[in-house]
N, C-alpha and C. Protein backbone atom coordinates (compact mmCIF):
# COMPACT_ATOMS: atom_id res chain seq x y z
N MET A 1 -49.55 -140.63 64.33
CA MET A 1 -50.64 -141.43 64.66
C MET A 1 -51.82 -140.42 64.96
N THR A 2 -52.87 -140.64 64.15
CA THR A 2 -53.98 -139.79 64.35
C THR A 2 -55.20 -140.33 65.28
N ASP A 3 -55.12 -141.66 65.35
CA ASP A 3 -56.10 -142.27 66.31
C ASP A 3 -55.44 -143.51 66.95
N TYR A 4 -55.16 -143.21 68.36
CA TYR A 4 -54.63 -144.30 69.09
C TYR A 4 -55.29 -145.67 69.05
N ARG A 5 -56.68 -145.60 68.89
CA ARG A 5 -57.46 -146.82 68.82
C ARG A 5 -57.18 -147.72 67.75
N ALA A 6 -56.57 -147.27 66.62
CA ALA A 6 -56.19 -148.08 65.58
C ALA A 6 -54.75 -148.61 65.65
N ALA A 7 -54.14 -148.15 66.66
CA ALA A 7 -52.69 -148.56 66.93
C ALA A 7 -52.57 -149.87 67.61
N ASP A 8 -51.50 -150.64 67.53
CA ASP A 8 -51.30 -151.85 68.27
C ASP A 8 -50.61 -151.53 69.60
N LEU A 9 -51.45 -151.09 70.61
CA LEU A 9 -50.78 -150.61 71.85
C LEU A 9 -50.91 -151.76 72.95
N PRO A 10 -50.05 -151.68 73.97
CA PRO A 10 -50.24 -152.64 75.05
C PRO A 10 -51.53 -152.23 75.77
N PRO A 11 -52.15 -153.14 76.47
CA PRO A 11 -53.45 -152.75 77.21
C PRO A 11 -53.23 -151.70 78.28
N ARG A 12 -52.00 -151.69 78.90
CA ARG A 12 -51.80 -150.62 79.84
C ARG A 12 -51.87 -149.23 79.11
N ALA A 13 -51.16 -149.00 78.16
CA ALA A 13 -51.13 -147.85 77.30
C ALA A 13 -52.62 -147.48 76.85
N ARG A 14 -53.31 -148.48 76.36
CA ARG A 14 -54.67 -148.15 75.86
C ARG A 14 -55.65 -147.78 76.99
N ALA A 15 -55.42 -148.40 78.21
CA ALA A 15 -56.27 -148.00 79.35
C ALA A 15 -56.03 -146.61 79.72
N MET A 16 -54.84 -146.20 79.68
CA MET A 16 -54.37 -144.93 80.13
C MET A 16 -54.96 -143.90 79.09
N LEU A 17 -54.96 -144.20 77.85
CA LEU A 17 -55.47 -143.20 76.94
C LEU A 17 -56.94 -143.08 76.96
N ASP A 18 -57.51 -144.36 77.13
CA ASP A 18 -59.19 -144.31 77.16
C ASP A 18 -59.50 -143.47 78.42
N PHE A 19 -58.70 -143.59 79.49
CA PHE A 19 -59.11 -142.90 80.63
C PHE A 19 -58.83 -141.34 80.49
N ALA A 20 -57.75 -140.98 79.80
CA ALA A 20 -57.51 -139.51 79.51
C ALA A 20 -58.71 -138.94 78.74
N ILE A 21 -59.08 -139.65 77.62
CA ILE A 21 -60.27 -139.25 76.81
C ILE A 21 -61.60 -139.12 77.63
N ALA A 22 -61.66 -140.12 78.44
CA ALA A 22 -62.92 -140.25 79.23
C ALA A 22 -63.08 -139.04 80.30
N ILE A 23 -61.93 -138.59 80.90
CA ILE A 23 -62.00 -137.52 81.82
C ILE A 23 -62.01 -136.20 81.16
N THR A 24 -61.52 -136.17 79.91
CA THR A 24 -61.47 -134.88 79.14
C THR A 24 -63.14 -134.67 78.68
N ASP A 25 -63.79 -135.71 78.32
CA ASP A 25 -65.20 -135.57 78.01
C ASP A 25 -66.01 -135.35 79.25
N ASP A 26 -65.73 -135.97 80.38
CA ASP A 26 -66.51 -135.71 81.49
C ASP A 26 -65.74 -136.09 82.74
N PRO A 27 -65.35 -135.12 83.60
CA PRO A 27 -64.55 -135.34 84.66
C PRO A 27 -65.16 -136.32 85.62
N HIS A 28 -66.44 -136.49 85.63
CA HIS A 28 -67.03 -137.38 86.51
C HIS A 28 -66.93 -138.85 86.04
N ALA A 29 -66.19 -139.09 84.87
CA ALA A 29 -66.03 -140.32 84.41
C ALA A 29 -64.84 -141.08 85.35
N SER A 30 -64.17 -140.39 86.21
CA SER A 30 -63.24 -141.04 87.10
C SER A 30 -63.96 -141.62 88.32
N THR A 31 -64.43 -142.92 88.03
CA THR A 31 -65.29 -143.54 89.07
C THR A 31 -64.43 -144.65 89.66
N PRO A 32 -64.84 -145.05 90.84
CA PRO A 32 -64.03 -146.09 91.51
C PRO A 32 -63.79 -147.42 90.67
N GLU A 33 -64.90 -147.65 89.84
CA GLU A 33 -64.65 -148.91 89.05
C GLU A 33 -63.64 -148.62 87.91
N ARG A 34 -63.65 -147.46 87.37
CA ARG A 34 -62.64 -147.11 86.37
C ARG A 34 -61.28 -147.09 86.90
N ILE A 35 -61.11 -146.63 88.08
CA ILE A 35 -59.80 -146.51 88.79
C ILE A 35 -59.34 -147.98 89.03
N ASP A 36 -60.13 -148.91 89.42
CA ASP A 36 -59.88 -150.19 89.59
C ASP A 36 -59.44 -150.91 88.34
N ALA A 37 -60.09 -150.50 87.26
CA ALA A 37 -59.71 -151.16 85.91
C ALA A 37 -58.42 -150.61 85.52
N LEU A 38 -58.02 -149.29 85.88
CA LEU A 38 -56.75 -148.90 85.63
C LEU A 38 -55.70 -149.71 86.38
N ARG A 39 -55.95 -149.85 87.64
CA ARG A 39 -54.98 -150.60 88.41
C ARG A 39 -54.84 -152.08 87.95
N ALA A 40 -55.94 -152.68 87.48
CA ALA A 40 -55.92 -153.97 86.95
C ALA A 40 -55.14 -154.04 85.63
N ALA A 41 -55.00 -152.85 84.92
CA ALA A 41 -54.24 -152.75 83.62
C ALA A 41 -52.80 -152.57 83.94
N GLY A 42 -52.38 -152.39 85.20
CA GLY A 42 -51.09 -152.15 85.53
C GLY A 42 -50.52 -150.79 86.00
N LEU A 43 -51.47 -149.88 86.13
CA LEU A 43 -51.17 -148.58 86.48
C LEU A 43 -51.25 -148.46 88.08
N THR A 44 -50.13 -147.68 88.49
CA THR A 44 -50.23 -147.46 90.03
C THR A 44 -50.97 -146.10 90.22
N ASP A 45 -51.24 -145.96 91.55
CA ASP A 45 -51.94 -144.66 91.88
C ASP A 45 -51.20 -143.43 91.47
N GLU A 46 -49.84 -143.54 91.58
CA GLU A 46 -49.02 -142.42 91.11
C GLU A 46 -49.19 -142.37 89.55
N ASP A 47 -49.25 -143.34 88.84
CA ASP A 47 -49.47 -143.30 87.30
C ASP A 47 -50.84 -142.58 87.07
N ILE A 48 -51.83 -142.97 87.83
CA ILE A 48 -53.15 -142.46 87.57
C ILE A 48 -53.16 -140.95 87.95
N LEU A 49 -52.50 -140.60 88.98
CA LEU A 49 -52.30 -139.12 89.24
C LEU A 49 -51.74 -138.40 88.20
N ASN A 50 -50.62 -138.92 87.70
CA ASN A 50 -49.96 -138.38 86.49
C ASN A 50 -50.77 -138.17 85.32
N VAL A 51 -51.58 -139.14 84.97
CA VAL A 51 -52.40 -139.03 83.83
C VAL A 51 -53.46 -137.91 84.07
N VAL A 52 -54.07 -137.85 85.27
CA VAL A 52 -55.03 -136.79 85.54
C VAL A 52 -54.40 -135.48 85.44
N GLN A 53 -53.19 -135.24 85.95
CA GLN A 53 -52.56 -134.05 85.90
C GLN A 53 -52.05 -133.58 84.53
N VAL A 54 -51.58 -134.57 83.67
CA VAL A 54 -51.12 -134.03 82.30
C VAL A 54 -52.34 -133.88 81.57
N THR A 55 -53.43 -134.75 81.76
CA THR A 55 -54.66 -134.42 80.94
C THR A 55 -55.32 -133.06 81.33
N GLY A 56 -55.26 -132.73 82.58
CA GLY A 56 -55.75 -131.52 82.97
C GLY A 56 -55.10 -130.32 82.46
N PHE A 57 -53.63 -130.44 82.41
CA PHE A 57 -52.79 -129.40 82.04
C PHE A 57 -53.05 -129.20 80.49
N PHE A 58 -53.16 -130.17 79.63
CA PHE A 58 -53.31 -130.07 78.22
C PHE A 58 -54.70 -129.52 77.91
N ASN A 59 -55.61 -129.99 78.61
CA ASN A 59 -57.07 -129.40 78.44
C ASN A 59 -57.03 -128.00 78.77
N TYR A 60 -56.49 -127.60 79.86
CA TYR A 60 -56.25 -126.17 80.18
C TYR A 60 -55.58 -125.33 79.11
N TYR A 61 -54.44 -125.80 78.58
CA TYR A 61 -53.75 -125.13 77.73
C TYR A 61 -54.36 -125.06 76.41
N ASN A 62 -55.10 -126.05 75.93
CA ASN A 62 -55.87 -126.13 74.69
C ASN A 62 -56.98 -124.92 74.78
N LEU A 63 -57.64 -125.04 75.90
CA LEU A 63 -58.82 -124.05 76.08
C LEU A 63 -58.21 -122.60 76.00
N MET A 64 -57.22 -122.35 76.77
CA MET A 64 -56.65 -121.04 76.72
C MET A 64 -56.22 -120.61 75.29
N VAL A 65 -55.48 -121.42 74.59
CA VAL A 65 -55.04 -121.11 73.29
C VAL A 65 -56.34 -120.90 72.26
N GLU A 66 -57.21 -121.79 72.37
CA GLU A 66 -58.29 -121.59 71.40
C GLU A 66 -59.17 -120.30 71.92
N ALA A 67 -59.46 -120.02 73.18
CA ALA A 67 -60.22 -119.05 73.63
C ALA A 67 -59.64 -117.62 73.30
N LEU A 68 -58.32 -117.75 73.38
CA LEU A 68 -57.60 -116.36 73.15
C LEU A 68 -57.22 -116.21 71.54
N GLY A 69 -57.43 -117.36 70.80
CA GLY A 69 -56.96 -117.25 69.44
C GLY A 69 -55.53 -117.11 69.26
N VAL A 70 -54.75 -117.76 70.10
CA VAL A 70 -53.22 -117.48 70.19
C VAL A 70 -52.61 -118.54 69.20
N ASP A 71 -51.61 -118.34 68.56
CA ASP A 71 -50.66 -119.26 67.84
C ASP A 71 -49.65 -119.67 68.85
N PRO A 72 -49.76 -120.79 69.53
CA PRO A 72 -48.88 -120.99 70.62
C PRO A 72 -47.34 -121.30 70.22
N GLU A 73 -47.20 -121.61 68.89
CA GLU A 73 -45.81 -121.78 68.39
C GLU A 73 -45.78 -121.20 67.03
N PRO A 74 -45.70 -120.00 66.75
CA PRO A 74 -45.71 -119.29 65.49
C PRO A 74 -44.57 -119.85 64.60
N ASP A 75 -43.53 -120.24 65.14
CA ASP A 75 -42.40 -120.60 64.29
C ASP A 75 -42.40 -122.05 63.83
N TRP A 76 -43.34 -122.83 64.46
CA TRP A 76 -43.46 -124.35 63.92
C TRP A 76 -44.07 -124.36 62.51
N PRO A 77 -43.58 -125.34 61.78
CA PRO A 77 -44.04 -125.55 60.36
C PRO A 77 -45.47 -125.83 60.40
N ALA A 78 -46.19 -125.49 59.38
CA ALA A 78 -47.68 -125.85 59.30
C ALA A 78 -47.75 -127.41 58.98
N ARG A 79 -48.90 -127.99 59.51
CA ARG A 79 -48.99 -129.41 59.35
C ARG A 79 -49.79 -129.78 58.12
C-alpha cells in the first residue's frame, strides 16, 4: 500500500494514521480537540501514547539514516 488514504480502513485506523502524519508534519498538531477526536474514534490514552512513541521513533530513525547517508539494511532487496 503506497497511500493509506486510498485503502478501505476502519475509522479507528484512519484516525490513528491521520494523527501520525499530522504530528510528523507539526508536533503542535496534537491539540486537545485532536486527542478528543482520537478517543471518539476508539483509541485509549495508552493507544495515543503508543502512536506518539512509534511515530517519534520512526521519525528519529529516518532522520538519522538520511542525515548520515546510511543504508540501514544493505542486505534487503531493492524495491
